[in-house]
Full PDB file with SEQRES, HELIX, SHEET, SSBOND, CRYST1, ORIGX, SCALE, CONECT and MASTER records, all heavy atoms in Angstrom:
SEQRES   1 A   42  GLU GLY ARG ILE GLY GLY SER SER ALA PRO THR VAL PHE          
SEQRES   2 A   42  GLY CYS ASN PRO TYR ALA GLN PRO VAL ASP GLU TRP LEU          
SEQRES   3 A   42  ARG LEU THR GLY ARG ARG ASP SER VAL ASP LEU SER GLY          
SEQRES   4 A   42  ASN MET ALA                                                  
HELIX    1 AA1 ALA A    9  VAL A   12  1                                   4    
HELIX    2 AA2 PRO A   21  LEU A   28  1                                   8    
CRYST1    1.000    1.000    1.000  90.00  90.00  90.00 P 1           1          
ORIGX1      1.000000  0.000000  0.000000        0.00000                         
ORIGX2      0.000000  1.000000  0.000000        0.00000                         
ORIGX3      0.000000  0.000000  1.000000        0.00000                         
SCALE1      1.000000  0.000000  0.000000        0.00000                         
SCALE2      0.000000  1.000000  0.000000        0.00000                         
SCALE3      0.000000  0.000000  1.000000        0.00000                         
ATOM      1  N   GLU A   1      72.642 100.671  96.228  1.00  0.00           N  
ATOM      2  CA  GLU A   1      71.381 101.239  96.714  1.00  0.00           C  
ATOM      3  C   GLU A   1      71.099 100.812  98.150  1.00  0.00           C  
ATOM      4  O   GLU A   1      71.105  99.618  98.465  1.00  0.00           O  
ATOM      5  CB  GLU A   1      70.222 100.839  95.800  1.00  0.00           C  
ATOM      6  CG  GLU A   1      70.266 101.517  94.457  1.00  0.00           C  
ATOM      7  CD  GLU A   1      69.125 101.106  93.553  1.00  0.00           C  
ATOM      8  OE1 GLU A   1      68.201 100.386  94.008  1.00  0.00           O  
ATOM      9  OE2 GLU A   1      69.141 101.503  92.376  1.00  0.00           O  
ATOM     10  N   GLY A   2      70.855 101.787  99.015  1.00  0.00           N  
ATOM     11  CA  GLY A   2      70.513 101.507 100.404  1.00  0.00           C  
ATOM     12  C   GLY A   2      71.670 101.010 101.248  1.00  0.00           C  
ATOM     13  O   GLY A   2      71.458 100.549 102.366  1.00  0.00           O  
ATOM     14  N   ARG A   3      72.876 101.075 100.723  1.00  0.00           N  
ATOM     15  CA  ARG A   3      74.051 100.597 101.447  1.00  0.00           C  
ATOM     16  C   ARG A   3      75.054 101.739 101.633  1.00  0.00           C  
ATOM     17  O   ARG A   3      75.124 102.647 100.825  1.00  0.00           O  
ATOM     18  CB  ARG A   3      74.745  99.469 100.683  1.00  0.00           C  
ATOM     19  CG  ARG A   3      73.901  98.241 100.521  1.00  0.00           C  
ATOM     20  CD  ARG A   3      74.645  97.202  99.682  1.00  0.00           C  
ATOM     21  NE  ARG A   3      73.840  96.017  99.468  1.00  0.00           N  
ATOM     22  CZ  ARG A   3      73.771  94.997 100.300  1.00  0.00           C  
ATOM     23  NH1 ARG A   3      74.466  94.990 101.402  1.00  0.00           N  
ATOM     24  NH2 ARG A   3      73.013  93.962 100.033  1.00  0.00           N  
ATOM     25  N   ILE A   4      75.844 101.631 102.680  1.00  0.00           N  
ATOM     26  CA  ILE A   4      76.919 102.582 102.909  1.00  0.00           C  
ATOM     27  C   ILE A   4      78.119 102.089 102.117  1.00  0.00           C  
ATOM     28  O   ILE A   4      78.626 101.001 102.364  1.00  0.00           O  
ATOM     29  CB  ILE A   4      77.274 102.696 104.399  1.00  0.00           C  
ATOM     30  CG1 ILE A   4      76.053 103.193 105.195  1.00  0.00           C  
ATOM     31  CG2 ILE A   4      78.474 103.624 104.593  1.00  0.00           C  
ATOM     32  CD1 ILE A   4      76.238 103.118 106.698  1.00  0.00           C  
ATOM     33  N   GLY A   5      78.549 102.877 101.151  1.00  0.00           N  
ATOM     34  CA  GLY A   5      79.684 102.521 100.312  1.00  0.00           C  
ATOM     35  C   GLY A   5      80.953 103.221 100.762  1.00  0.00           C  
ATOM     36  O   GLY A   5      80.933 104.096 101.636  1.00  0.00           O  
ATOM     37  N   GLY A   6      82.053 102.837 100.152  1.00  0.00           N  
ATOM     38  CA  GLY A   6      83.336 103.440 100.485  1.00  0.00           C  
ATOM     39  C   GLY A   6      83.345 104.939 100.273  1.00  0.00           C  
ATOM     40  O   GLY A   6      83.914 105.682 101.069  1.00  0.00           O  
ATOM     41  N   SER A   7      82.693 105.400  99.216  1.00  0.00           N  
ATOM     42  CA  SER A   7      82.648 106.836  98.945  1.00  0.00           C  
ATOM     43  C   SER A   7      81.756 107.584  99.932  1.00  0.00           C  
ATOM     44  O   SER A   7      81.963 108.772 100.178  1.00  0.00           O  
ATOM     45  CB  SER A   7      82.147 107.098  97.519  1.00  0.00           C  
ATOM     46  OG  SER A   7      83.040 106.538  96.585  1.00  0.00           O  
ATOM     47  N   SER A   8      80.763 106.897 100.482  1.00  0.00           N  
ATOM     48  CA  SER A   8      79.862 107.566 101.425  1.00  0.00           C  
ATOM     49  C   SER A   8      80.305 107.421 102.880  1.00  0.00           C  
ATOM     50  O   SER A   8      79.840 108.152 103.753  1.00  0.00           O  
ATOM     51  CB  SER A   8      78.425 107.060 101.259  1.00  0.00           C  
ATOM     52  OG  SER A   8      78.347 105.676 101.433  1.00  0.00           O  
ATOM     53  N   ALA A   9      81.225 106.496 103.157  1.00  0.00           N  
ATOM     54  CA  ALA A   9      81.696 106.301 104.535  1.00  0.00           C  
ATOM     55  C   ALA A   9      82.253 107.583 105.158  1.00  0.00           C  
ATOM     56  O   ALA A   9      81.930 107.887 106.311  1.00  0.00           O  
ATOM     57  CB  ALA A   9      82.725 105.172 104.591  1.00  0.00           C  
ATOM     58  N   PRO A  10      83.057 108.376 104.433  1.00  0.00           N  
ATOM     59  CA  PRO A  10      83.545 109.622 105.041  1.00  0.00           C  
ATOM     60  C   PRO A  10      82.406 110.582 105.437  1.00  0.00           C  
ATOM     61  O   PRO A  10      82.509 111.273 106.448  1.00  0.00           O  
ATOM     62  CB  PRO A  10      84.424 110.235 103.946  1.00  0.00           C  
ATOM     63  CG  PRO A  10      84.878 109.069 103.141  1.00  0.00           C  
ATOM     64  CD  PRO A  10      83.697 108.128 103.129  1.00  0.00           C  
ATOM     65  N   THR A  11      81.329 110.584 104.664  1.00  0.00           N  
ATOM     66  CA  THR A  11      80.189 111.438 105.018  1.00  0.00           C  
ATOM     67  C   THR A  11      79.536 110.927 106.294  1.00  0.00           C  
ATOM     68  O   THR A  11      79.231 111.699 107.204  1.00  0.00           O  
ATOM     69  CB  THR A  11      79.159 111.474 103.868  1.00  0.00           C  
ATOM     70  OG1 THR A  11      79.806 111.957 102.689  1.00  0.00           O  
ATOM     71  CG2 THR A  11      77.988 112.379 104.213  1.00  0.00           C  
ATOM     72  N   VAL A  12      79.340 109.610 106.389  1.00  0.00           N  
ATOM     73  CA  VAL A  12      78.735 109.009 107.572  1.00  0.00           C  
ATOM     74  C   VAL A  12      79.547 109.356 108.823  1.00  0.00           C  
ATOM     75  O   VAL A  12      78.991 109.647 109.876  1.00  0.00           O  
ATOM     76  CB  VAL A  12      78.609 107.478 107.400  1.00  0.00           C  
ATOM     77  CG1 VAL A  12      78.202 106.806 108.696  1.00  0.00           C  
ATOM     78  CG2 VAL A  12      77.621 107.149 106.287  1.00  0.00           C  
ATOM     79  N   PHE A  13      80.868 109.349 108.697  1.00  0.00           N  
ATOM     80  CA  PHE A  13      81.747 109.633 109.829  1.00  0.00           C  
ATOM     81  C   PHE A  13      82.026 111.120 110.020  1.00  0.00           C  
ATOM     82  O   PHE A  13      82.809 111.500 110.898  1.00  0.00           O  
ATOM     83  CB  PHE A  13      83.064 108.862 109.695  1.00  0.00           C  
ATOM     84  CG  PHE A  13      82.930 107.428 110.096  1.00  0.00           C  
ATOM     85  CD1 PHE A  13      82.687 106.452 109.143  1.00  0.00           C  
ATOM     86  CD2 PHE A  13      83.004 107.048 111.427  1.00  0.00           C  
ATOM     87  CE1 PHE A  13      82.545 105.122 109.507  1.00  0.00           C  
ATOM     88  CE2 PHE A  13      82.861 105.735 111.804  1.00  0.00           C  
ATOM     89  CZ  PHE A  13      82.624 104.764 110.846  1.00  0.00           C  
ATOM     90  N   GLY A  14      81.406 111.968 109.207  1.00  0.00           N  
ATOM     91  CA  GLY A  14      81.530 113.413 109.391  1.00  0.00           C  
ATOM     92  C   GLY A  14      82.844 114.012 108.937  1.00  0.00           C  
ATOM     93  O   GLY A  14      83.211 115.098 109.380  1.00  0.00           O  
ATOM     94  N   CYS A  15      83.563 113.337 108.030  1.00  0.00           N  
ATOM     95  CA  CYS A  15      84.841 113.900 107.572  1.00  0.00           C  
ATOM     96  C   CYS A  15      84.837 114.198 106.071  1.00  0.00           C  
ATOM     97  O   CYS A  15      85.889 114.280 105.451  1.00  0.00           O  
ATOM     98  CB  CYS A  15      86.008 113.008 107.973  1.00  0.00           C  
ATOM     99  SG  CYS A  15      85.904 111.305 107.425  1.00  0.00           S  
ATOM    100  N   ASN A  16      83.666 114.360 105.500  1.00  0.00           N  
ATOM    101  CA  ASN A  16      83.541 114.790 104.113  1.00  0.00           C  
ATOM    102  C   ASN A  16      83.221 116.280 104.133  1.00  0.00           C  
ATOM    103  O   ASN A  16      82.158 116.675 104.618  1.00  0.00           O  
ATOM    104  CB  ASN A  16      82.414 114.014 103.418  1.00  0.00           C  
ATOM    105  CG  ASN A  16      82.195 114.463 101.985  1.00  0.00           C  
ATOM    106  OD1 ASN A  16      82.778 115.429 101.507  1.00  0.00           O  
ATOM    107  ND2 ASN A  16      81.329 113.754 101.291  1.00  0.00           N  
ATOM    108  N   PRO A  17      84.118 117.122 103.613  1.00  0.00           N  
ATOM    109  CA  PRO A  17      83.862 118.563 103.661  1.00  0.00           C  
ATOM    110  C   PRO A  17      82.721 119.020 102.755  1.00  0.00           C  
ATOM    111  O   PRO A  17      82.277 120.158 102.846  1.00  0.00           O  
ATOM    112  CB  PRO A  17      85.196 119.180 103.210  1.00  0.00           C  
ATOM    113  CG  PRO A  17      85.849 118.122 102.395  1.00  0.00           C  
ATOM    114  CD  PRO A  17      85.401 116.806 102.985  1.00  0.00           C  
ATOM    115  N   TYR A  18      82.219 118.140 101.886  1.00  0.00           N  
ATOM    116  CA  TYR A  18      81.191 118.520 100.920  1.00  0.00           C  
ATOM    117  C   TYR A  18      79.792 118.037 101.275  1.00  0.00           C  
ATOM    118  O   TYR A  18      78.839 118.346 100.567  1.00  0.00           O  
ATOM    119  CB  TYR A  18      81.582 118.002  99.527  1.00  0.00           C  
ATOM    120  CG  TYR A  18      82.964 118.435  99.133  1.00  0.00           C  
ATOM    121  CD1 TYR A  18      84.020 117.540  99.131  1.00  0.00           C  
ATOM    122  CD2 TYR A  18      83.226 119.765  98.807  1.00  0.00           C  
ATOM    123  CE1 TYR A  18      85.309 117.942  98.790  1.00  0.00           C  
ATOM    124  CE2 TYR A  18      84.509 120.182  98.468  1.00  0.00           C  
ATOM    125  CZ  TYR A  18      85.535 119.270  98.461  1.00  0.00           C  
ATOM    126  OH  TYR A  18      86.803 119.672  98.141  1.00  0.00           O  
ATOM    127  N   ALA A  19      79.646 117.251 102.332  1.00  0.00           N  
ATOM    128  CA  ALA A  19      78.326 116.735 102.711  1.00  0.00           C  
ATOM    129  C   ALA A  19      78.290 116.442 104.202  1.00  0.00           C  
ATOM    130  O   ALA A  19      79.314 116.212 104.828  1.00  0.00           O  
ATOM    131  CB  ALA A  19      78.009 115.468 101.914  1.00  0.00           C  
ATOM    132  N   GLN A  20      77.101 116.436 104.733  1.00  0.00           N  
ATOM    133  CA  GLN A  20      76.878 116.160 106.150  1.00  0.00           C  
ATOM    134  C   GLN A  20      76.299 114.752 106.321  1.00  0.00           C  
ATOM    135  O   GLN A  20      75.637 114.235 105.416  1.00  0.00           O  
ATOM    136  CB  GLN A  20      75.899 117.183 106.742  1.00  0.00           C  
ATOM    137  CG  GLN A  20      76.412 118.605 106.712  1.00  0.00           C  
ATOM    138  CD  GLN A  20      77.666 118.757 107.550  1.00  0.00           C  
ATOM    139  OE1 GLN A  20      77.722 118.281 108.676  1.00  0.00           O  
ATOM    140  NE2 GLN A  20      78.675 119.409 106.997  1.00  0.00           N  
ATOM    141  N   PRO A  21      76.509 114.137 107.478  1.00  0.00           N  
ATOM    142  CA  PRO A  21      75.952 112.794 107.707  1.00  0.00           C  
ATOM    143  C   PRO A  21      74.455 112.704 107.431  1.00  0.00           C  
ATOM    144  O   PRO A  21      73.981 111.699 106.904  1.00  0.00           O  
ATOM    145  CB  PRO A  21      76.279 112.529 109.178  1.00  0.00           C  
ATOM    146  CG  PRO A  21      77.519 113.319 109.432  1.00  0.00           C  
ATOM    147  CD  PRO A  21      77.338 114.581 108.607  1.00  0.00           C  
ATOM    148  N   VAL A  22      73.710 113.744 107.741  1.00  0.00           N  
ATOM    149  CA  VAL A  22      72.263 113.710 107.504  1.00  0.00           C  
ATOM    150  C   VAL A  22      71.960 113.585 106.015  1.00  0.00           C  
ATOM    151  O   VAL A  22      70.982 112.953 105.623  1.00  0.00           O  
ATOM    152  CB  VAL A  22      71.550 114.935 108.121  1.00  0.00           C  
ATOM    153  CG1 VAL A  22      71.904 116.224 107.388  1.00  0.00           C  
ATOM    154  CG2 VAL A  22      70.049 114.715 108.166  1.00  0.00           C  
ATOM    155  N   ASP A  23      72.825 114.149 105.147  1.00  0.00           N  
ATOM    156  CA  ASP A  23      72.635 114.014 103.703  1.00  0.00           C  
ATOM    157  C   ASP A  23      72.688 112.549 103.285  1.00  0.00           C  
ATOM    158  O   ASP A  23      71.876 112.085 102.489  1.00  0.00           O  
ATOM    159  CB  ASP A  23      73.711 114.793 102.932  1.00  0.00           C  
ATOM    160  CG  ASP A  23      73.661 116.281 103.183  1.00  0.00           C  
ATOM    161  OD1 ASP A  23      72.550 116.833 103.275  1.00  0.00           O  
ATOM    162  OD2 ASP A  23      74.746 116.896 103.288  1.00  0.00           O  
ATOM    163  N   GLU A  24      73.635 111.818 103.852  1.00  0.00           N  
ATOM    164  CA  GLU A  24      73.777 110.405 103.512  1.00  0.00           C  
ATOM    165  C   GLU A  24      72.619 109.601 104.083  1.00  0.00           C  
ATOM    166  O   GLU A  24      72.100 108.687 103.438  1.00  0.00           O  
ATOM    167  CB  GLU A  24      75.123 109.868 104.007  1.00  0.00           C  
ATOM    168  CG  GLU A  24      75.453 108.503 103.490  1.00  0.00           C  
ATOM    169  CD  GLU A  24      75.543 108.418 101.968  1.00  0.00           C  
ATOM    170  OE1 GLU A  24      75.714 109.439 101.272  1.00  0.00           O  
ATOM    171  OE2 GLU A  24      75.418 107.291 101.455  1.00  0.00           O  
ATOM    172  N   TRP A  25      72.183 109.938 105.285  1.00  0.00           N  
ATOM    173  CA  TRP A  25      71.034 109.256 105.881  1.00  0.00           C  
ATOM    174  C   TRP A  25      69.790 109.462 105.012  1.00  0.00           C  
ATOM    175  O   TRP A  25      69.045 108.509 104.753  1.00  0.00           O  
ATOM    176  CB  TRP A  25      70.791 109.785 107.302  1.00  0.00           C  
ATOM    177  CG  TRP A  25      69.586 109.182 107.940  1.00  0.00           C  
ATOM    178  CD1 TRP A  25      69.487 107.955 108.521  1.00  0.00           C  
ATOM    179  CD2 TRP A  25      68.293 109.784 108.048  1.00  0.00           C  
ATOM    180  NE1 TRP A  25      68.211 107.755 108.988  1.00  0.00           N  
ATOM    181  CE2 TRP A  25      67.451 108.869 108.714  1.00  0.00           C  
ATOM    182  CE3 TRP A  25      67.765 111.007 107.651  1.00  0.00           C  
ATOM    183  CZ2 TRP A  25      66.118 109.135 108.984  1.00  0.00           C  
ATOM    184  CZ3 TRP A  25      66.434 111.276 107.914  1.00  0.00           C  
ATOM    185  CH2 TRP A  25      65.628 110.341 108.579  1.00  0.00           C  
ATOM    186  N   LEU A  26      69.571 110.683 104.535  1.00  0.00           N  
ATOM    187  CA  LEU A  26      68.425 110.959 103.666  1.00  0.00           C  
ATOM    188  C   LEU A  26      68.493 110.140 102.378  1.00  0.00           C  
ATOM    189  O   LEU A  26      67.492 109.598 101.915  1.00  0.00           O  
ATOM    190  CB  LEU A  26      68.354 112.455 103.333  1.00  0.00           C  
ATOM    191  CG  LEU A  26      67.962 113.370 104.496  1.00  0.00           C  
ATOM    192  CD1 LEU A  26      68.203 114.823 104.123  1.00  0.00           C  
ATOM    193  CD2 LEU A  26      66.517 113.139 104.896  1.00  0.00           C  
ATOM    194  N   ARG A  27      69.693 110.002 101.804  1.00  0.00           N  
ATOM    195  CA  ARG A  27      69.868 109.215 100.585  1.00  0.00           C  
ATOM    196  C   ARG A  27      69.639 107.730 100.861  1.00  0.00           C  
ATOM    197  O   ARG A  27      68.909 107.057 100.130  1.00  0.00           O  
ATOM    198  CB  ARG A  27      71.273 109.426 100.008  1.00  0.00           C  
ATOM    199  CG  ARG A  27      71.469 108.747  98.657  1.00  0.00           C  
ATOM    200  CD  ARG A  27      72.921 108.728  98.229  1.00  0.00           C  
ATOM    201  NE  ARG A  27      73.736 107.853  99.039  1.00  0.00           N  
ATOM    202  CZ  ARG A  27      73.784 106.520  98.943  1.00  0.00           C  
ATOM    203  NH1 ARG A  27      73.015 105.893  98.083  1.00  0.00           N  
ATOM    204  NH2 ARG A  27      74.569 105.796  99.711  1.00  0.00           N  
ATOM    205  N   LEU A  28      70.226 107.235 101.933  1.00  0.00           N  
ATOM    206  CA  LEU A  28      70.121 105.808 102.250  1.00  0.00           C  
ATOM    207  C   LEU A  28      68.698 105.381 102.588  1.00  0.00           C  
ATOM    208  O   LEU A  28      68.311 104.237 102.329  1.00  0.00           O  
ATOM    209  CB  LEU A  28      71.048 105.443 103.407  1.00  0.00           C  
ATOM    210  CG  LEU A  28      72.534 105.442 103.077  1.00  0.00           C  
ATOM    211  CD1 LEU A  28      73.362 105.357 104.350  1.00  0.00           C  
ATOM    212  CD2 LEU A  28      72.873 104.306 102.135  1.00  0.00           C  
ATOM    213  N   THR A  29      67.926 106.270 103.162  1.00  0.00           N  
ATOM    214  CA  THR A  29      66.555 105.946 103.537  1.00  0.00           C  
ATOM    215  C   THR A  29      65.549 106.300 102.446  1.00  0.00           C  
ATOM    216  O   THR A  29      64.347 106.191 102.665  1.00  0.00           O  
ATOM    217  CB  THR A  29      66.172 106.651 104.858  1.00  0.00           C  
ATOM    218  OG1 THR A  29      66.324 108.071 104.693  1.00  0.00           O  
ATOM    219  CG2 THR A  29      67.026 106.148 106.014  1.00  0.00           C  
ATOM    220  N   GLY A  30      66.056 106.710 101.277  1.00  0.00           N  
ATOM    221  CA  GLY A  30      65.188 107.000 100.143  1.00  0.00           C  
ATOM    222  C   GLY A  30      64.450 108.320 100.227  1.00  0.00           C  
ATOM    223  O   GLY A  30      63.527 108.567  99.453  1.00  0.00           O  
ATOM    224  N   ARG A  31      64.825 109.175 101.142  1.00  0.00           N  
ATOM    225  CA  ARG A  31      64.167 110.471 101.287  1.00  0.00           C  
ATOM    226  C   ARG A  31      64.760 111.535 100.358  1.00  0.00           C  
ATOM    227  O   ARG A  31      64.222 112.606 100.218  1.00  0.00           O  
ATOM    228  CB  ARG A  31      64.258 110.931 102.739  1.00  0.00           C  
ATOM    229  CG  ARG A  31      63.424 110.076 103.674  1.00  0.00           C  
ATOM    230  CD  ARG A  31      63.682 110.467 105.130  1.00  0.00           C  
ATOM    231  NE  ARG A  31      62.773 109.810 106.032  1.00  0.00           N  
ATOM    232  CZ  ARG A  31      62.969 108.609 106.562  1.00  0.00           C  
ATOM    233  NH1 ARG A  31      64.051 107.919 106.248  1.00  0.00           N  
ATOM    234  NH2 ARG A  31      62.101 108.079 107.389  1.00  0.00           N  
ATOM    235  N   ARG A  32      65.908 111.208  99.764  1.00  0.00           N  
ATOM    236  CA  ARG A  32      66.570 112.118  98.826  1.00  0.00           C  
ATOM    237  C   ARG A  32      67.277 111.272  97.780  1.00  0.00           C  
ATOM    238  O   ARG A  32      67.880 110.254  98.096  1.00  0.00           O  
ATOM    239  CB  ARG A  32      67.578 112.997  99.567  1.00  0.00           C  
ATOM    240  CG  ARG A  32      68.290 113.992  98.648  1.00  0.00           C  
ATOM    241  CD  ARG A  32      69.316 114.828  99.385  1.00  0.00           C  
ATOM    242  NE  ARG A  32      68.653 115.728 100.307  1.00  0.00           N  
ATOM    243  CZ  ARG A  32      69.280 116.403 101.259  1.00  0.00           C  
ATOM    244  NH1 ARG A  32      70.584 116.268 101.427  1.00  0.00           N  
ATOM    245  NH2 ARG A  32      68.621 117.207 102.066  1.00  0.00           N  
ATOM    246  N   ASP A  33      67.210 111.715  96.529  1.00  0.00           N  
ATOM    247  CA  ASP A  33      67.908 111.008  95.454  1.00  0.00           C  
ATOM    248  C   ASP A  33      69.410 111.259  95.562  1.00  0.00           C  
ATOM    249  O   ASP A  33      69.857 112.283  96.087  1.00  0.00           O  
ATOM    250  CB  ASP A  33      67.427 111.504  94.089  1.00  0.00           C  
ATOM    251  CG  ASP A  33      66.013 111.043  93.767  1.00  0.00           C  
ATOM    252  OD1 ASP A  33      65.585 110.012  94.331  1.00  0.00           O  
ATOM    253  OD2 ASP A  33      65.346 111.713  92.958  1.00  0.00           O  
ATOM    254  N   SER A  34      70.173 110.332  95.020  1.00  0.00           N  
ATOM    255  CA  SER A  34      71.620 110.512  94.934  1.00  0.00           C  
ATOM    256  C   SER A  34      71.904 111.674  94.000  1.00  0.00           C  
ATOM    257  O   SER A  34      71.167 111.914  93.042  1.00  0.00           O  
ATOM    258  CB  SER A  34      72.296 109.262  94.376  1.00  0.00           C  
ATOM    259  OG  SER A  34      72.139 108.181  95.253  1.00  0.00           O  
ATOM    260  N   VAL A  35      72.972 112.392  94.283  1.00  0.00           N  
ATOM    261  CA  VAL A  35      73.369 113.497  93.431  1.00  0.00           C  
ATOM    262  C   VAL A  35      73.991 112.917  92.166  1.00  0.00           C  
ATOM    263  O   VAL A  35      74.831 112.016  92.235  1.00  0.00           O  
ATOM    264  CB  VAL A  35      74.388 114.411  94.161  1.00  0.00           C  
ATOM    265  CG1 VAL A  35      74.879 115.514  93.254  1.00  0.00           C  
ATOM    266  CG2 VAL A  35      73.767 114.978  95.425  1.00  0.00           C  
ATOM    267  N   ASP A  36      73.564 113.413  91.004  1.00  0.00           N  
ATOM    268  CA  ASP A  36      74.115 112.956  89.735  1.00  0.00           C  
ATOM    269  C   ASP A  36      75.390 113.746  89.445  1.00  0.00           C  
ATOM    270  O   ASP A  36      75.343 114.941  89.180  1.00  0.00           O  
ATOM    271  CB  ASP A  36      73.097 113.160  88.619  1.00  0.00           C  
ATOM    272  CG  ASP A  36      73.600 112.711  87.261  1.00  0.00           C  
ATOM    273  OD1 ASP A  36      74.699 112.117  87.181  1.00  0.00           O  
ATOM    274  OD2 ASP A  36      72.885 112.964  86.264  1.00  0.00           O  
ATOM    275  N   LEU A  37      76.527 113.068  89.532  1.00  0.00           N  
ATOM    276  CA  LEU A  37      77.815 113.716  89.296  1.00  0.00           C  
ATOM    277  C   LEU A  37      78.372 113.406  87.909  1.00  0.00           C  
ATOM    278  O   LEU A  37      79.521 113.740  87.621  1.00  0.00           O  
ATOM    279  CB  LEU A  37      78.822 113.273  90.368  1.00  0.00           C  
ATOM    280  CG  LEU A  37      78.471 113.659  91.804  1.00  0.00           C  
ATOM    281  CD1 LEU A  37      79.479 113.046  92.771  1.00  0.00           C  
ATOM    282  CD2 LEU A  37      78.417 115.163  91.962  1.00  0.00           C  
ATOM    283  N   SER A  38      77.557 112.810  87.041  1.00  0.00           N  
ATOM    284  CA  SER A  38      78.047 112.400  85.724  1.00  0.00           C  
ATOM    285  C   SER A  38      78.512 113.585  84.881  1.00  0.00           C  
ATOM    286  O   SER A  38      79.371 113.421  84.018  1.00  0.00           O  
ATOM    287  CB  SER A  38      76.983 111.603  84.974  1.00  0.00           C  
ATOM    288  OG  SER A  38      75.831 112.395  84.757  1.00  0.00           O  
ATOM    289  N   GLY A  39      77.968 114.768  85.119  1.00  0.00           N  
ATOM    290  CA  GLY A  39      78.375 115.952  84.361  1.00  0.00           C  
ATOM    291  C   GLY A  39      79.539 116.697  84.980  1.00  0.00           C  
ATOM    292  O   GLY A  39      80.031 117.676  84.413  1.00  0.00           O  
ATOM    293  N   ASN A  40      80.020 116.247  86.136  1.00  0.00           N  
ATOM    294  CA  ASN A  40      81.127 116.899  86.829  1.00  0.00           C  
ATOM    295  C   ASN A  40      82.441 116.509  86.145  1.00  0.00           C  
ATOM    296  O   ASN A  40      82.769 115.327  86.043  1.00  0.00           O  
ATOM    297  CB  ASN A  40      81.123 116.463  88.299  1.00  0.00           C  
ATOM    298  CG  ASN A  40      82.218 117.093  89.102  1.00  0.00           C  
ATOM    299  OD1 ASN A  40      83.395 116.911  88.818  1.00  0.00           O  
ATOM    300  ND2 ASN A  40      81.824 117.826  90.140  1.00  0.00           N  
ATOM    301  N   MET A  41      83.201 117.507  85.678  1.00  0.00           N  
ATOM    302  CA  MET A  41      84.427 117.231  84.922  1.00  0.00           C  
ATOM    303  C   MET A  41      85.463 116.470  85.749  1.00  0.00           C  
ATOM    304  O   MET A  41      86.131 115.568  85.241  1.00  0.00           O  
ATOM    305  CB  MET A  41      85.036 118.524  84.384  1.00  0.00           C  
ATOM    306  CG  MET A  41      86.275 118.298  83.528  1.00  0.00           C  
ATOM    307  SD  MET A  41      86.029 117.171  82.123  1.00  0.00           S  
ATOM    308  CE  MET A  41      85.295 118.254  80.943  1.00  0.00           C  
ATOM    309  N   ALA A  42      85.601 116.813  87.025  1.00  0.00           N  
ATOM    310  CA  ALA A  42      86.576 116.118  87.872  1.00  0.00           C  
ATOM    311  C   ALA A  42      86.207 114.640  88.012  1.00  0.00           C  
ATOM    312  O   ALA A  42      87.071 113.765  87.945  1.00  0.00           O  
ATOM    313  CB  ALA A  42      86.666 116.781  89.245  1.00  0.00           C  
TER     314      ALA A  42                                                      
MASTER        0    0    0    2    0    0    0    6  313    1    0    4          
END                                                                             
């Protein structure tokens, strides 16, 4: 919570094709909840 993790580092550096750096900033600053991927089969 509130930390940049290994999975979020690519988003912060702009090399995640599925999210933008602003998405991670919103999550880290509590302005947006983390996406729940528990139902994702992959």
